[in-house]
């Protein structure tokens, strides 16, 4: 129990009161704001030029898709900063017999005035490299998701 000026508040009533405004508004959601944003996304050419702005990617052949972002990281000590790039996708059969449903790797991204800039994507060489479903890219700084971009493969 929490006590404030002679009144008692249970943890449950405090939690309920904090969520009440979102429950009263139709269609309202409680979400955290991220410090990053996607500035470009879609299908790209071999020269990494945006060909079509879309989050729906056609299945069945070779294609390059991805996105570019900027994210406030408040880092001013150098011209690059390490973030983690993650991709989760429907399970693919590995060429050496294993299965793969994504990756998570550290990458260096350019920094200017405390903001990280970069692009991330995937290149499917043929139909076996691209399974239908949701493909989710995340750029994170430690536990904090800075940018999220999802594509649907159809």
Protein backbone atom coordinates (compact mmCIF):
# COMPACT_ATOMS: atom_id res chain seq x y z
CA UNK A 1 0.00 0.00 0.00
CA UNK A 2 1.13 3.52 -0.76
CA UNK A 3 0.20 6.30 1.65
CA UNK A 4 -0.22 9.93 0.63
CA UNK A 5 -1.74 12.64 2.85
CA UNK A 6 -3.89 10.29 4.90
CA UNK A 7 -5.21 8.27 1.94
CA UNK A 8 -4.22 4.74 1.04
CA UNK A 9 -3.59 3.69 -2.56
CA UNK A 10 -3.04 0.10 -3.61
CA UNK A 11 -0.58 -0.62 -6.40
CA UNK A 12 -3.49 -1.96 -8.46
CA UNK A 13 -5.46 1.30 -8.19
CA UNK A 14 -2.41 3.37 -9.14
CA UNK A 15 -1.78 1.16 -12.18
CA UNK A 16 -5.47 1.27 -13.19
CA UNK A 17 -5.55 5.08 -12.88
CA UNK A 18 -2.45 5.41 -15.06
CA UNK A 19 -4.00 3.27 -17.83
CA UNK A 20 -7.51 4.74 -17.58
CA UNK A 21 -7.08 7.54 -20.16
CA UNK A 22 -5.95 5.06 -22.81
CA UNK A 23 -8.81 2.68 -22.03
CA UNK A 24 -11.43 5.42 -22.41
CA UNK A 25 -10.32 6.58 -25.85
CA UNK A 26 -11.45 4.32 -28.72
CA UNK A 27 -8.49 2.96 -30.63
CA UNK A 28 -5.98 4.46 -28.18
CA UNK A 29 -2.79 2.55 -27.51
CA UNK A 30 -0.08 2.99 -24.96
CA UNK A 31 3.27 3.11 -26.75
CA UNK A 32 6.74 4.42 -26.10
CA UNK A 33 8.22 6.98 -28.45
CA UNK A 34 11.46 5.91 -30.10
CA UNK A 35 14.32 8.30 -30.81
CA UNK A 36 14.67 7.09 -34.40
CA UNK A 37 12.73 7.21 -37.62
CA UNK A 38 12.71 5.49 -40.98
CA UNK A 39 13.47 8.04 -43.71
CA UNK A 40 13.29 5.69 -46.72
CA UNK A 41 12.17 2.08 -47.30
CA UNK A 42 11.25 -0.29 -50.08
CA UNK A 43 12.76 -2.19 -52.99
CA UNK A 44 16.26 -1.19 -54.17
CA UNK A 45 18.28 -1.63 -57.37
CA UNK A 46 21.69 -3.32 -57.64
CA UNK A 47 23.18 0.16 -57.16
CA UNK A 48 21.26 0.60 -53.88
CA UNK A 49 18.89 3.20 -55.34
CA UNK A 50 15.27 3.17 -54.17
CA UNK A 51 13.11 1.74 -56.97
CA UNK A 52 9.76 1.49 -55.19
CA UNK A 53 8.59 2.75 -51.79
CA UNK A 54 6.66 -0.20 -50.34
CA UNK A 55 6.53 -2.44 -47.28
CA UNK A 56 5.06 -5.31 -49.32
CA UNK A 57 7.73 -7.33 -51.11
CA UNK A 58 6.89 -9.85 -53.87
CA UNK A 59 7.95 -13.42 -53.11
CA UNK A 60 9.40 -15.75 -55.69
CA UNK A 61 12.63 -14.29 -56.98
CA UNK A 62 15.71 -12.18 -56.54
CA UNK A 63 15.03 -8.83 -54.84
CA UNK A 64 16.78 -6.27 -52.62
CA UNK A 65 14.73 -4.53 -49.95
CA UNK A 66 15.47 -2.47 -46.89
CA UNK A 67 15.35 0.94 -45.30
CA UNK A 68 17.38 3.98 -44.23
CA UNK A 69 17.04 5.63 -40.83
CA UNK A 70 18.22 8.31 -38.48
CA UNK A 71 18.26 7.96 -34.70
CA UNK A 72 19.15 10.34 -31.89
CA UNK A 73 21.89 8.62 -29.86
CA UNK A 74 23.39 11.70 -28.17
CA UNK A 75 26.95 10.56 -28.97
CA UNK A 76 29.38 13.33 -29.88
CA UNK A 77 32.85 11.80 -29.26
CA UNK A 78 33.49 10.31 -32.71
CA UNK A 79 32.09 10.11 -36.25
CA UNK A 80 30.75 6.55 -35.84
CA UNK A 81 28.81 4.64 -33.20
CA UNK A 82 28.08 0.94 -32.68
CA UNK A 83 24.44 -0.14 -32.76
CA UNK A 84 22.91 -3.59 -33.12
CA UNK A 85 21.12 -4.57 -36.33
CA UNK A 86 18.64 -7.44 -35.97
CA UNK A 87 16.44 -9.20 -38.49
CA UNK A 88 13.80 -11.81 -37.69
CA UNK A 89 11.99 -13.66 -40.47
CA UNK A 90 10.21 -16.94 -41.27
CA UNK A 91 12.57 -19.91 -41.07
CA UNK A 92 14.84 -20.44 -44.09
CA UNK A 93 16.61 -23.70 -44.86
CA UNK A 94 20.37 -23.17 -44.63
CA UNK A 95 22.62 -24.17 -47.50
CA UNK A 96 24.79 -26.22 -45.13
CA UNK A 97 21.80 -28.07 -43.66
CA UNK A 98 20.92 -25.69 -40.81
CA UNK A 99 17.86 -23.50 -40.38
CA UNK A 100 17.94 -19.73 -40.04
CA UNK A 101 15.28 -17.36 -38.71
CA UNK A 102 17.30 -14.17 -38.48
CA UNK A 103 20.38 -12.57 -37.03
CA UNK A 104 21.61 -9.92 -34.65
CA UNK A 105 24.98 -8.26 -35.30
CA UNK A 106 26.81 -5.16 -34.07
CA UNK A 107 27.47 -2.54 -36.78
CA UNK A 108 29.15 0.83 -36.90
CA UNK A 109 26.96 3.67 -38.17
CA UNK A 110 27.87 7.23 -39.13
CA UNK A 111 27.22 9.96 -36.53
CA UNK A 112 26.61 13.65 -37.10
CA UNK A 113 25.57 16.06 -34.34
CA UNK A 114 24.55 13.22 -32.00
CA UNK A 115 22.41 11.45 -34.63
CA UNK A 116 23.17 8.05 -36.16
CA UNK A 117 22.48 7.57 -39.89
CA UNK A 118 22.42 4.34 -41.83
CA UNK A 119 20.70 1.80 -44.00
CA UNK A 120 19.89 -1.86 -43.53
CA UNK A 121 18.45 -4.45 -45.86
CA UNK A 122 18.31 -7.91 -47.29
CA UNK A 123 19.22 -9.33 -50.69
CA UNK A 124 17.38 -12.46 -51.78
CA UNK A 125 19.31 -14.24 -54.54
CA UNK A 126 16.39 -16.53 -55.41
CA UNK A 127 13.00 -17.77 -54.15
CA UNK A 128 14.57 -20.02 -51.49
CA UNK A 129 16.09 -16.93 -49.82
CA UNK A 130 12.72 -15.23 -49.31
CA UNK A 131 9.89 -16.92 -47.42
CA UNK A 132 6.43 -15.33 -47.21
CA UNK A 133 5.58 -13.68 -43.90
CA UNK A 134 6.73 -10.74 -41.79
CA UNK A 135 10.38 -9.71 -41.91
CA UNK A 136 11.24 -7.40 -38.98
CA UNK A 137 14.35 -5.23 -38.85
CA UNK A 138 15.37 -3.54 -35.57
CA UNK A 139 18.19 -1.09 -34.91
CA UNK A 140 18.93 -0.99 -31.20
CA UNK A 141 21.28 0.59 -28.69
CA UNK A 142 21.64 -1.89 -25.85
CA UNK A 143 18.10 -2.81 -24.73
CA UNK A 144 16.56 0.24 -26.45
CA UNK A 145 14.90 -0.23 -29.85
CA UNK A 146 15.70 2.91 -31.83
CA UNK A 147 14.13 2.03 -35.19
CA UNK A 148 11.79 -0.76 -36.31
CA UNK A 149 10.83 -1.51 -39.93
CA UNK A 150 8.68 -4.45 -40.98
CA UNK A 151 8.14 -5.83 -44.46
CA UNK A 152 5.54 -8.37 -45.53
CA UNK A 153 6.63 -10.88 -48.14
CA UNK A 154 3.70 -12.02 -50.29
